[in-house]
Amino acid sequence: SKFSHESIVPAGLFAPGNTEPIPPSPRAFINGTIVELYDNAANYGFEETDTLITFVSLGYEFDAVIHEEHIAGDYQIGNVVRGEYWVQGWPETT
């Protein structure tokens, strides 16, 4: 990858080439550093074979579910991850 170890690039806002307009989708290419790993994905309502991580990029924190078919090796705190993510947000309460 030629991106920085931390980067966020919106990916779902633009139609490819000269195609018909498509509705925007909340996708982004994100590179970041793993700061937390979760032991048992099933405890959070996901498949046992999924990997759950928290990573940071450009000062933002993201939680990600990595399905078995997309797992690329052994994830550890401090590893850099990259991918195309479906982005959802929840309001922060104080």
C-alpha atoms as a PDB file:
ATOM      1  CA  SER A   1       0.000   0.000   0.000  1.00  0.00           C
ATOM      2  CA  LYS A   2       1.279   3.459  -0.822  1.00  0.00           C
ATOM      3  CA  PHE A   3      -0.896   5.089   1.815  1.00  0.00           C
ATOM      4  CA  SER A   4       0.344   6.233   5.195  1.00  0.00           C
ATOM      5  CA  HIS A   5      -0.042   3.835   8.116  1.00  0.00           C
ATOM      6  CA  GLU A   6      -2.949   6.096   9.139  1.00  0.00           C
ATOM      7  CA  SER A   7      -5.294   7.352   6.430  1.00  0.00           C
ATOM      8  CA  ILE A   8      -9.009   7.680   5.707  1.00  0.00           C
ATOM      9  CA  VAL A   9     -10.281   7.975   2.123  1.00  0.00           C
ATOM     10  CA  PRO A  10     -14.031   8.127   1.390  1.00  0.00           C
ATOM     11  CA  ALA A  11     -14.853   5.414  -1.148  1.00  0.00           C
ATOM     12  CA  GLY A  12     -18.618   5.254  -1.444  1.00  0.00           C
ATOM     13  CA  LEU A  13     -19.370   8.790  -2.524  1.00  0.00           C
ATOM     14  CA  PHE A  14     -18.346   8.658  -6.165  1.00  0.00           C
ATOM     15  CA  ALA A  15     -19.728   6.735  -9.143  1.00  0.00           C
ATOM     16  CA  PRO A  16     -17.093   4.852 -11.149  1.00  0.00           C
ATOM     17  CA  GLY A  17     -16.304   6.407 -14.537  1.00  0.00           C
ATOM     18  CA  ASN A  18     -19.156   7.611 -16.726  1.00  0.00           C
ATOM     19  CA  THR A  19     -21.784   5.303 -15.268  1.00  0.00           C
ATOM     20  CA  GLU A  20     -25.252   6.221 -14.159  1.00  0.00           C
ATOM     21  CA  PRO A  21     -25.461   7.910 -10.774  1.00  0.00           C
ATOM     22  CA  ILE A  22     -25.480   5.539  -7.826  1.00  0.00           C
ATOM     23  CA  PRO A  23     -26.616   6.362  -4.321  1.00  0.00           C
ATOM     24  CA  PRO A  24     -23.746   7.133  -1.947  1.00  0.00           C
ATOM     25  CA  SER A  25     -22.773   4.453   0.553  1.00  0.00           C
ATOM     26  CA  PRO A  26     -20.879   4.878   3.834  1.00  0.00           C
ATOM     27  CA  ARG A  27     -17.669   3.134   2.784  1.00  0.00           C
ATOM     28  CA  ALA A  28     -14.084   4.228   3.304  1.00  0.00           C
ATOM     29  CA  PHE A  29     -10.580   2.896   2.794  1.00  0.00           C
ATOM     30  CA  ILE A  30      -8.961   3.137   6.217  1.00  0.00           C
ATOM     31  CA  ASN A  31      -5.446   2.324   7.421  1.00  0.00           C
ATOM     32  CA  GLY A  32      -4.856   2.310  11.163  1.00  0.00           C
ATOM     33  CA  THR A  33      -3.113   0.734  14.136  1.00  0.00           C
ATOM     34  CA  ILE A  34      -4.734  -1.986  16.272  1.00  0.00           C
ATOM     35  CA  VAL A  35      -5.155  -0.886  19.899  1.00  0.00           C
ATOM     36  CA  GLU A  36      -7.453  -3.656  21.194  1.00  0.00           C
ATOM     37  CA  LEU A  37      -8.348  -7.268  20.366  1.00  0.00           C
ATOM     38  CA  TYR A  38     -11.474  -9.022  21.616  1.00  0.00           C
ATOM     39  CA  ASP A  39     -11.335 -12.670  22.732  1.00  0.00           C
ATOM     40  CA  ASN A  40     -14.671 -14.195  21.746  1.00  0.00           C
ATOM     41  CA  ALA A  41     -16.657 -12.670  18.885  1.00  0.00           C
ATOM     42  CA  ALA A  42     -19.696 -14.826  19.789  1.00  0.00           C
ATOM     43  CA  ASN A  43     -20.022 -12.888  23.071  1.00  0.00           C
ATOM     44  CA  TYR A  44     -20.771  -9.809  20.959  1.00  0.00           C
ATOM     45  CA  GLY A  45     -23.278 -11.497  18.631  1.00  0.00           C
ATOM     46  CA  PHE A  46     -20.893 -12.387  15.806  1.00  0.00           C
ATOM     47  CA  GLU A  47     -19.617 -15.709  14.493  1.00  0.00           C
ATOM     48  CA  GLU A  48     -17.021 -17.509  16.607  1.00  0.00           C
ATOM     49  CA  THR A  49     -14.653 -17.427  13.631  1.00  0.00           C
ATOM     50  CA  ASP A  50     -14.825 -13.616  13.297  1.00  0.00           C
ATOM     51  CA  THR A  51     -12.070 -11.390  14.645  1.00  0.00           C
ATOM     52  CA  LEU A  52     -13.013  -8.200  16.485  1.00  0.00           C
ATOM     53  CA  ILE A  53     -10.546  -5.335  16.774  1.00  0.00           C
ATOM     54  CA  THR A  54     -10.391  -1.676  17.726  1.00  0.00           C
ATOM     55  CA  PHE A  55      -7.983   0.437  15.706  1.00  0.00           C
ATOM     56  CA  VAL A  56      -7.110   4.133  15.496  1.00  0.00           C
ATOM     57  CA  SER A  57      -6.550   6.316  12.468  1.00  0.00           C
ATOM     58  CA  LEU A  58      -5.973  10.072  12.399  1.00  0.00           C
ATOM     59  CA  GLY A  59      -7.211  10.441  15.973  1.00  0.00           C
ATOM     60  CA  TYR A  60     -10.438   8.475  15.415  1.00  0.00           C
ATOM     61  CA  GLU A  61     -11.201   5.089  16.945  1.00  0.00           C
ATOM     62  CA  PHE A  62     -12.910   2.349  14.915  1.00  0.00           C
ATOM     63  CA  ASP A  63     -14.288  -1.047  15.892  1.00  0.00           C
ATOM     64  CA  ALA A  64     -14.107  -3.636  13.115  1.00  0.00           C
ATOM     65  CA  VAL A  65     -15.504  -7.106  12.571  1.00  0.00           C
ATOM     66  CA  ILE A  66     -13.270  -9.144  10.280  1.00  0.00           C
ATOM     67  CA  HIS A  67     -15.075 -12.164   8.889  1.00  0.00           C
ATOM     68  CA  GLU A  68     -13.166 -15.430   8.585  1.00  0.00           C
ATOM     69  CA  GLU A  69     -12.774 -15.258   4.793  1.00  0.00           C
ATOM     70  CA  HIS A  70     -11.048 -11.856   5.114  1.00  0.00           C
ATOM     71  CA  ILE A  71      -8.658 -12.705   7.961  1.00  0.00           C
ATOM     72  CA  ALA A  72      -5.081 -12.178   6.789  1.00  0.00           C
ATOM     73  CA  GLY A  73      -2.767 -13.672   9.386  1.00  0.00           C
ATOM     74  CA  ASP A  74      -2.441 -13.168  13.113  1.00  0.00           C
ATOM     75  CA  TYR A  75      -3.664  -9.812  14.431  1.00  0.00           C
ATOM     76  CA  GLN A  76      -1.761  -8.241  17.330  1.00  0.00           C
ATOM     77  CA  ILE A  77      -1.889  -4.917  19.152  1.00  0.00           C
ATOM     78  CA  GLY A  78       0.341  -2.490  17.279  1.00  0.00           C
ATOM     79  CA  ASN A  79      -0.194  -4.099  13.850  1.00  0.00           C
ATOM     80  CA  VAL A  80      -1.269  -1.823  11.021  1.00  0.00           C
ATOM     81  CA  VAL A  81      -4.506  -2.875   9.308  1.00  0.00           C
ATOM     82  CA  ARG A  82      -5.965  -1.637   6.059  1.00  0.00           C
ATOM     83  CA  GLY A  83      -9.190  -2.291   4.275  1.00  0.00           C
ATOM     84  CA  GLU A  84     -12.424  -1.033   2.839  1.00  0.00           C
ATOM     85  CA  TYR A  85     -14.925  -0.624   5.667  1.00  0.00           C
ATOM     86  CA  TRP A  86     -18.640  -0.008   5.899  1.00  0.00           C
ATOM     87  CA  VAL A  87     -18.676   2.937   8.301  1.00  0.00           C
ATOM     88  CA  GLN A  88     -21.358   3.421  10.965  1.00  0.00           C
ATOM     89  CA  GLY A  89     -21.356   5.869  13.817  1.00  0.00           C
ATOM     90  CA  TRP A  90     -23.022   6.317  17.168  1.00  0.00           C
ATOM     91  CA  PRO A  91     -23.318   9.607  19.024  1.00  0.00           C
ATOM     92  CA  GLU A  92     -20.896  10.024  21.876  1.00  0.00           C
ATOM     93  CA  THR A  93     -22.659  10.712  25.156  1.00  0.00           C
ATOM     94  CA  THR A  94     -21.069  12.635  27.987  1.00  0.00           C
END
